[in-house]
Amino acid sequence: MTRPLSIILADAFDYAARAVFEAPQAHEHYGLPAPSTWDNWVYWWRGFAAGLAGDYESTPLIARPTPGKP
């Protein structure tokens, strides 16, 4: 069963907003300066793309284990 486009877009916008909302706490936790406008722009687009793809794992793709390899 496929999800309706409205639900896909709602998830994408929700995940984008969540990524931007969580950025200040993450920056503070890691001792980084507050996110800049550019940082928020990047977080928003990454969250939106992840929401469109239905990929809710927050680990960056390059840091994820390769399937089938230890």
PDB file of N, CA and C in Angstrom:
ATOM      1  N   MET A   1       0.832  -1.173   0.000  1.00  0.00           N
ATOM      2  CA  MET A   1       0.000   0.000   0.000  1.00  0.00           C
ATOM      3  C   MET A   1       0.885   1.247   0.000  1.00  0.00           C
ATOM      4  N   THR A   2       0.620   2.157  -0.880  1.00  0.00           N
ATOM      5  CA  THR A   2       1.402   3.377  -0.940  1.00  0.00           C
ATOM      6  C   THR A   2       0.767   4.472  -0.096  1.00  0.00           C
ATOM      7  N   ARG A   3       1.604   5.347   0.406  1.00  0.00           N
ATOM      8  CA  ARG A   3       1.101   6.451   1.216  1.00  0.00           C
ATOM      9  C   ARG A   3       0.672   7.592   0.306  1.00  0.00           C
ATOM     10  N   PRO A   4      -0.361   8.309   0.682  1.00  0.00           N
ATOM     11  CA  PRO A   4      -0.790   9.459  -0.119  1.00  0.00           C
ATOM     12  C   PRO A   4       0.278  10.553  -0.114  1.00  0.00           C
ATOM     13  N   LEU A   5       0.328  11.319  -1.182  1.00  0.00           N
ATOM     14  CA  LEU A   5       1.299  12.394  -1.317  1.00  0.00           C
ATOM     15  C   LEU A   5       1.183  13.386  -0.163  1.00  0.00           C
ATOM     16  N   SER A   6      -0.019  13.652   0.282  1.00  0.00           N
ATOM     17  CA  SER A   6      -0.193  14.608   1.378  1.00  0.00           C
ATOM     18  C   SER A   6       0.502  14.127   2.657  1.00  0.00           C
ATOM     19  N   ILE A   7       0.465  12.835   2.906  1.00  0.00           N
ATOM     20  CA  ILE A   7       1.127  12.281   4.095  1.00  0.00           C
ATOM     21  C   ILE A   7       2.638  12.319   3.915  1.00  0.00           C
ATOM     22  N   ILE A   8       3.119  12.009   2.736  1.00  0.00           N
ATOM     23  CA  ILE A   8       4.555  12.049   2.457  1.00  0.00           C
ATOM     24  C   ILE A   8       5.091  13.463   2.668  1.00  0.00           C
ATOM     25  N   LEU A   9       4.383  14.453   2.120  1.00  0.00           N
ATOM     26  CA  LEU A   9       4.814  15.844   2.285  1.00  0.00           C
ATOM     27  C   LEU A   9       4.709  16.303   3.733  1.00  0.00           C
ATOM     28  N   ALA A  10       3.658  15.878   4.425  1.00  0.00           N
ATOM     29  CA  ALA A  10       3.523  16.236   5.834  1.00  0.00           C
ATOM     30  C   ALA A  10       4.682  15.675   6.642  1.00  0.00           C
ATOM     31  N   ASP A  11       5.068  14.430   6.376  1.00  0.00           N
ATOM     32  CA  ASP A  11       6.215  13.826   7.062  1.00  0.00           C
ATOM     33  C   ASP A  11       7.501  14.585   6.744  1.00  0.00           C
ATOM     34  N   ALA A  12       7.667  14.967   5.483  1.00  0.00           N
ATOM     35  CA  ALA A  12       8.876  15.678   5.073  1.00  0.00           C
ATOM     36  C   ALA A  12       8.976  17.032   5.778  1.00  0.00           C
ATOM     37  N   PHE A  13       7.881  17.798   5.798  1.00  0.00           N
ATOM     38  CA  PHE A  13       7.898  19.089   6.477  1.00  0.00           C
ATOM     39  C   PHE A  13       8.076  18.928   7.981  1.00  0.00           C
ATOM     40  N   ASP A  14       7.468  17.915   8.552  1.00  0.00           N
ATOM     41  CA  ASP A  14       7.595  17.662   9.979  1.00  0.00           C
ATOM     42  C   ASP A  14       9.031  17.314  10.339  1.00  0.00           C
ATOM     43  N   TYR A  15       9.648  16.455   9.564  1.00  0.00           N
ATOM     44  CA  TYR A  15      11.021  16.049   9.859  1.00  0.00           C
ATOM     45  C   TYR A  15      11.990  17.209   9.654  1.00  0.00           C
ATOM     46  N   ALA A  16      11.723  18.059   8.640  1.00  0.00           N
ATOM     47  CA  ALA A  16      12.564  19.238   8.410  1.00  0.00           C
ATOM     48  C   ALA A  16      12.490  20.182   9.609  1.00  0.00           C
ATOM     49  N   ALA A  17      11.286  20.434  10.089  1.00  0.00           N
ATOM     50  CA  ALA A  17      11.116  21.315  11.247  1.00  0.00           C
ATOM     51  C   ALA A  17      11.784  20.724  12.480  1.00  0.00           C
ATOM     52  N   ARG A  18      11.660  19.434  12.639  1.00  0.00           N
ATOM     53  CA  ARG A  18      12.282  18.774  13.783  1.00  0.00           C
ATOM     54  C   ARG A  18      13.805  18.899  13.736  1.00  0.00           C
ATOM     55  N   ALA A  19      14.378  18.741  12.553  1.00  0.00           N
ATOM     56  CA  ALA A  19      15.830  18.843  12.409  1.00  0.00           C
ATOM     57  C   ALA A  19      16.319  20.233  12.803  1.00  0.00           C
ATOM     58  N   VAL A  20      15.598  21.261  12.386  1.00  0.00           N
ATOM     59  CA  VAL A  20      15.982  22.636  12.731  1.00  0.00           C
ATOM     60  C   VAL A  20      15.758  22.889  14.219  1.00  0.00           C
ATOM     61  N   PHE A  21      14.664  22.392  14.761  1.00  0.00           N
ATOM     62  CA  PHE A  21      14.343  22.592  16.168  1.00  0.00           C
ATOM     63  C   PHE A  21      15.381  21.947  17.078  1.00  0.00           C
ATOM     64  N   GLU A  22      15.872  20.766  16.711  1.00  0.00           N
ATOM     65  CA  GLU A  22      16.822  20.039  17.552  1.00  0.00           C
ATOM     66  C   GLU A  22      18.256  20.535  17.418  1.00  0.00           C
ATOM     67  N   ALA A  23      18.552  21.297  16.383  1.00  0.00           N
ATOM     68  CA  ALA A  23      19.932  21.737  16.129  1.00  0.00           C
ATOM     69  C   ALA A  23      20.542  22.533  17.282  1.00  0.00           C
ATOM     70  N   PRO A  24      19.846  23.523  17.867  1.00  0.00           N
ATOM     71  CA  PRO A  24      20.483  24.275  18.964  1.00  0.00           C
ATOM     72  C   PRO A  24      20.863  23.393  20.158  1.00  0.00           C
ATOM     73  N   GLN A  25      20.002  22.436  20.489  1.00  0.00           N
ATOM     74  CA  GLN A  25      20.317  21.555  21.610  1.00  0.00           C
ATOM     75  C   GLN A  25      21.537  20.684  21.291  1.00  0.00           C
ATOM     76  N   ALA A  26      21.605  20.197  20.066  1.00  0.00           N
ATOM     77  CA  ALA A  26      22.746  19.362  19.675  1.00  0.00           C
ATOM     78  C   ALA A  26      24.035  20.186  19.671  1.00  0.00           C
ATOM     79  N   HIS A  27      23.967  21.396  19.147  1.00  0.00           N
ATOM     80  CA  HIS A  27      25.158  22.252  19.133  1.00  0.00           C
ATOM     81  C   HIS A  27      25.613  22.556  20.553  1.00  0.00           C
ATOM     82  N   GLU A  28      24.672  22.851  21.427  1.00  0.00           N
ATOM     83  CA  GLU A  28      25.026  23.139  22.824  1.00  0.00           C
ATOM     84  C   GLU A  28      25.637  21.911  23.489  1.00  0.00           C
ATOM     85  N   HIS A  29      25.053  20.760  23.248  1.00  0.00           N
ATOM     86  CA  HIS A  29      25.562  19.514  23.848  1.00  0.00           C
ATOM     87  C   HIS A  29      27.008  19.246  23.449  1.00  0.00           C
ATOM     88  N   TYR A  30      27.328  19.490  22.175  1.00  0.00           N
ATOM     89  CA  TYR A  30      28.679  19.218  21.678  1.00  0.00           C
ATOM     90  C   TYR A  30      29.614  20.408  21.802  1.00  0.00           C
ATOM     91  N   GLY A  31      29.166  21.472  22.462  1.00  0.00           N
ATOM     92  CA  GLY A  31      30.027  22.626  22.693  1.00  0.00           C
ATOM     93  C   GLY A  31      30.294  23.451  21.443  1.00  0.00           C
ATOM     94  N   LEU A  32      29.390  23.409  20.498  1.00  0.00           N
ATOM     95  CA  LEU A  32      29.531  24.172  19.261  1.00  0.00           C
ATOM     96  C   LEU A  32      28.768  25.487  19.379  1.00  0.00           C
ATOM     97  N   PRO A  33      29.158  26.479  18.576  1.00  0.00           N
ATOM     98  CA  PRO A  33      28.368  27.713  18.581  1.00  0.00           C
ATOM     99  C   PRO A  33      26.956  27.447  18.064  1.00  0.00           C
ATOM    100  N   ALA A  34      26.047  28.348  18.381  1.00  0.00           N
ATOM    101  CA  ALA A  34      24.655  28.198  17.924  1.00  0.00           C
ATOM    102  C   ALA A  34      24.617  28.068  16.408  1.00  0.00           C
ATOM    103  N   PRO A  35      23.662  27.312  15.882  1.00  0.00           N
ATOM    104  CA  PRO A  35      23.583  27.129  14.434  1.00  0.00           C
ATOM    105  C   PRO A  35      23.379  28.463  13.708  1.00  0.00           C
ATOM    106  N   SER A  36      24.105  28.621  12.628  1.00  0.00           N
ATOM    107  CA  SER A  36      23.960  29.820  11.804  1.00  0.00           C
ATOM    108  C   SER A  36      22.750  29.654  10.889  1.00  0.00           C
ATOM    109  N   THR A  37      22.451  30.698  10.164  1.00  0.00           N
ATOM    110  CA  THR A  37      21.358  30.620   9.190  1.00  0.00           C
ATOM    111  C   THR A  37      21.662  29.538   8.160  1.00  0.00           C
ATOM    112  N   TRP A  38      22.923  29.457   7.725  1.00  0.00           N
ATOM    113  CA  TRP A  38      23.316  28.426   6.760  1.00  0.00           C
ATOM    114  C   TRP A  38      23.134  27.032   7.358  1.00  0.00           C
ATOM    115  N   ASP A  39      23.551  26.839   8.615  1.00  0.00           N
ATOM    116  CA  ASP A  39      23.372  25.545   9.280  1.00  0.00           C
ATOM    117  C   ASP A  39      21.900  25.147   9.292  1.00  0.00           C
ATOM    118  N   ASN A  40      21.035  26.101   9.671  1.00  0.00           N
ATOM    119  CA  ASN A  40      19.607  25.801   9.709  1.00  0.00           C
ATOM    120  C   ASN A  40      19.073  25.462   8.327  1.00  0.00           C
ATOM    121  N   TRP A  41      19.560  26.152   7.305  1.00  0.00           N
ATOM    122  CA  TRP A  41      19.166  25.865   5.922  1.00  0.00           C
ATOM    123  C   TRP A  41      19.549  24.427   5.565  1.00  0.00           C
ATOM    124  N   VAL A  42      20.758  24.034   5.886  1.00  0.00           N
ATOM    125  CA  VAL A  42      21.238  22.679   5.590  1.00  0.00           C
ATOM    126  C   VAL A  42      20.442  21.643   6.381  1.00  0.00           C
ATOM    127  N   TYR A  43      20.230  21.895   7.681  1.00  0.00           N
ATOM    128  CA  TYR A  43      19.462  20.952   8.494  1.00  0.00           C
ATOM    129  C   TYR A  43      18.048  20.790   7.959  1.00  0.00           C
ATOM    130  N   TRP A  44      17.434  21.918   7.549  1.00  0.00           N
ATOM    131  CA  TRP A  44      16.070  21.852   7.040  1.00  0.00           C
ATOM    132  C   TRP A  44      16.013  20.979   5.801  1.00  0.00           C
ATOM    133  N   TRP A  45      16.892  21.197   4.828  1.00  0.00           N
ATOM    134  CA  TRP A  45      16.863  20.418   3.585  1.00  0.00           C
ATOM    135  C   TRP A  45      17.203  18.953   3.822  1.00  0.00           C
ATOM    136  N   ARG A  46      18.155  18.689   4.713  1.00  0.00           N
ATOM    137  CA  ARG A  46      18.468  17.289   5.030  1.00  0.00           C
ATOM    138  C   ARG A  46      17.269  16.609   5.673  1.00  0.00           C
ATOM    139  N   GLY A  47      16.601  17.296   6.595  1.00  0.00           N
ATOM    140  CA  GLY A  47      15.416  16.739   7.232  1.00  0.00           C
ATOM    141  C   GLY A  47      14.288  16.537   6.242  1.00  0.00           C
ATOM    142  N   PHE A  48      14.105  17.484   5.345  1.00  0.00           N
ATOM    143  CA  PHE A  48      13.055  17.366   4.343  1.00  0.00           C
ATOM    144  C   PHE A  48      13.311  16.170   3.432  1.00  0.00           C
ATOM    145  N   ALA A  49      14.559  16.028   2.972  1.00  0.00           N
ATOM    146  CA  ALA A  49      14.903  14.895   2.098  1.00  0.00           C
ATOM    147  C   ALA A  49      14.719  13.572   2.830  1.00  0.00           C
ATOM    148  N   ALA A  50      15.128  13.525   4.089  1.00  0.00           N
ATOM    149  CA  ALA A  50      14.959  12.295   4.866  1.00  0.00           C
ATOM    150  C   ALA A  50      13.479  11.980   5.063  1.00  0.00           C
ATOM    151  N   GLY A  51      12.671  13.009   5.293  1.00  0.00           N
ATOM    152  CA  GLY A  51      11.240  12.797   5.443  1.00  0.00           C
ATOM    153  C   GLY A  51      10.596  12.300   4.164  1.00  0.00           C
ATOM    154  N   LEU A  52      11.022  12.840   3.022  1.00  0.00           N
ATOM    155  CA  LEU A  52      10.501  12.361   1.735  1.00  0.00           C
ATOM    156  C   LEU A  52      10.859  10.902   1.500  1.00  0.00           C
ATOM    157  N   ALA A  53      12.083  10.558   1.867  1.00  0.00           N
ATOM    158  CA  ALA A  53      12.562   9.193   1.637  1.00  0.00           C
ATOM    159  C   ALA A  53      12.053   8.218   2.692  1.00  0.00           C
ATOM    160  N   GLY A  54      11.486   8.743   3.782  1.00  0.00           N
ATOM    161  CA  GLY A  54      11.040   7.864   4.863  1.00  0.00           C
ATOM    162  C   GLY A  54      12.208   7.310   5.656  1.00  0.00           C
ATOM    163  N   ASP A  55      13.332   8.041   5.641  1.00  0.00           N
ATOM    164  CA  ASP A  55      14.550   7.604   6.317  1.00  0.00           C
ATOM    165  C   ASP A  55      14.679   8.371   7.626  1.00  0.00           C
ATOM    166  N   TYR A  56      14.249   7.764   8.715  1.00  0.00           N
ATOM    167  CA  TYR A  56      14.246   8.468   9.980  1.00  0.00           C
ATOM    168  C   TYR A  56      15.427   8.111  10.866  1.00  0.00           C
ATOM    169  N   GLU A  57      16.406   7.399  10.336  1.00  0.00           N
ATOM    170  CA  GLU A  57      17.611   7.107  11.102  1.00  0.00           C
ATOM    171  C   GLU A  57      18.505   8.328  11.025  1.00  0.00           C
ATOM    172  N   SER A  58      18.917   8.864  12.175  1.00  0.00           N
ATOM    173  CA  SER A  58      19.652  10.120  12.177  1.00  0.00           C
ATOM    174  C   SER A  58      21.146   9.957  11.905  1.00  0.00           C
ATOM    175  N   THR A  59      21.634   8.738  11.828  1.00  0.00           N
ATOM    176  CA  THR A  59      23.043   8.522  11.538  1.00  0.00           C
ATOM    177  C   THR A  59      23.331   8.885  10.080  1.00  0.00           C
ATOM    178  N   PRO A  60      24.379   9.703   9.829  1.00  0.00           N
ATOM    179  CA  PRO A  60      24.693  10.046   8.441  1.00  0.00           C
ATOM    180  C   PRO A  60      24.962   8.794   7.602  1.00  0.00           C
ATOM    181  N   LEU A  61      24.644   8.870   6.328  1.00  0.00           N
ATOM    182  CA  LEU A  61      24.817   7.708   5.452  1.00  0.00           C
ATOM    183  C   LEU A  61      26.242   7.178   5.463  1.00  0.00           C
ATOM    184  N   ILE A  62      27.236   8.068   5.463  1.00  0.00           N
ATOM    185  CA  ILE A  62      28.633   7.612   5.406  1.00  0.00           C
ATOM    186  C   ILE A  62      29.085   6.951   6.711  1.00  0.00           C
ATOM    187  N   ALA A  63      28.342   7.170   7.808  1.00  0.00           N
ATOM    188  CA  ALA A  63      28.709   6.566   9.082  1.00  0.00           C
ATOM    189  C   ALA A  63      27.944   5.266   9.352  1.00  0.00           C
ATOM    190  N   ARG A  64      27.025   4.903   8.475  1.00  0.00           N
ATOM    191  CA  ARG A  64      26.234   3.687   8.690  1.00  0.00           C
ATOM    192  C   ARG A  64      27.014   2.457   8.247  1.00  0.00           C
ATOM    193  N   PRO A  65      26.798   1.344   8.931  1.00  0.00           N
ATOM    194  CA  PRO A  65      27.468   0.118   8.481  1.00  0.00           C
ATOM    195  C   PRO A  65      26.934  -0.328   7.126  1.00  0.00           C
ATOM    196  N   THR A  66      27.814  -0.895   6.341  1.00  0.00           N
ATOM    197  CA  THR A  66      27.423  -1.410   5.048  1.00  0.00           C
ATOM    198  C   THR A  66      26.742  -2.767   5.247  1.00  0.00           C
ATOM    199  N   PRO A  67      25.540  -2.954   4.683  1.00  0.00           N
ATOM    200  CA  PRO A  67      24.874  -4.241   4.853  1.00  0.00           C
ATOM    201  C   PRO A  67      25.727  -5.400   4.322  1.00  0.00           C
ATOM    202  N   GLY A  68      25.841  -6.426   5.101  1.00  0.00           N
ATOM    203  CA  GLY A  68      26.583  -7.602   4.684  1.00  0.00           C
ATOM    204  C   GLY A  68      28.067  -7.547   5.023  1.00  0.00           C
ATOM    205  N   LYS A  69      28.531  -6.421   5.585  1.00  0.00           N
ATOM    206  CA  LYS A  69      29.932  -6.295   5.970  1.00  0.00           C
ATOM    207  C   LYS A  69      29.998  -6.042   7.469  1.00  0.00           C
ATOM    208  N   PRO A  70      30.953  -6.662   8.138  1.00  0.00           N
ATOM    209  CA  PRO A  70      31.068  -6.481   9.583  1.00  0.00           C
ATOM    210  C   PRO A  70      31.604  -5.108   9.955  1.00  0.00           C
TER     211      PRO A  70
END
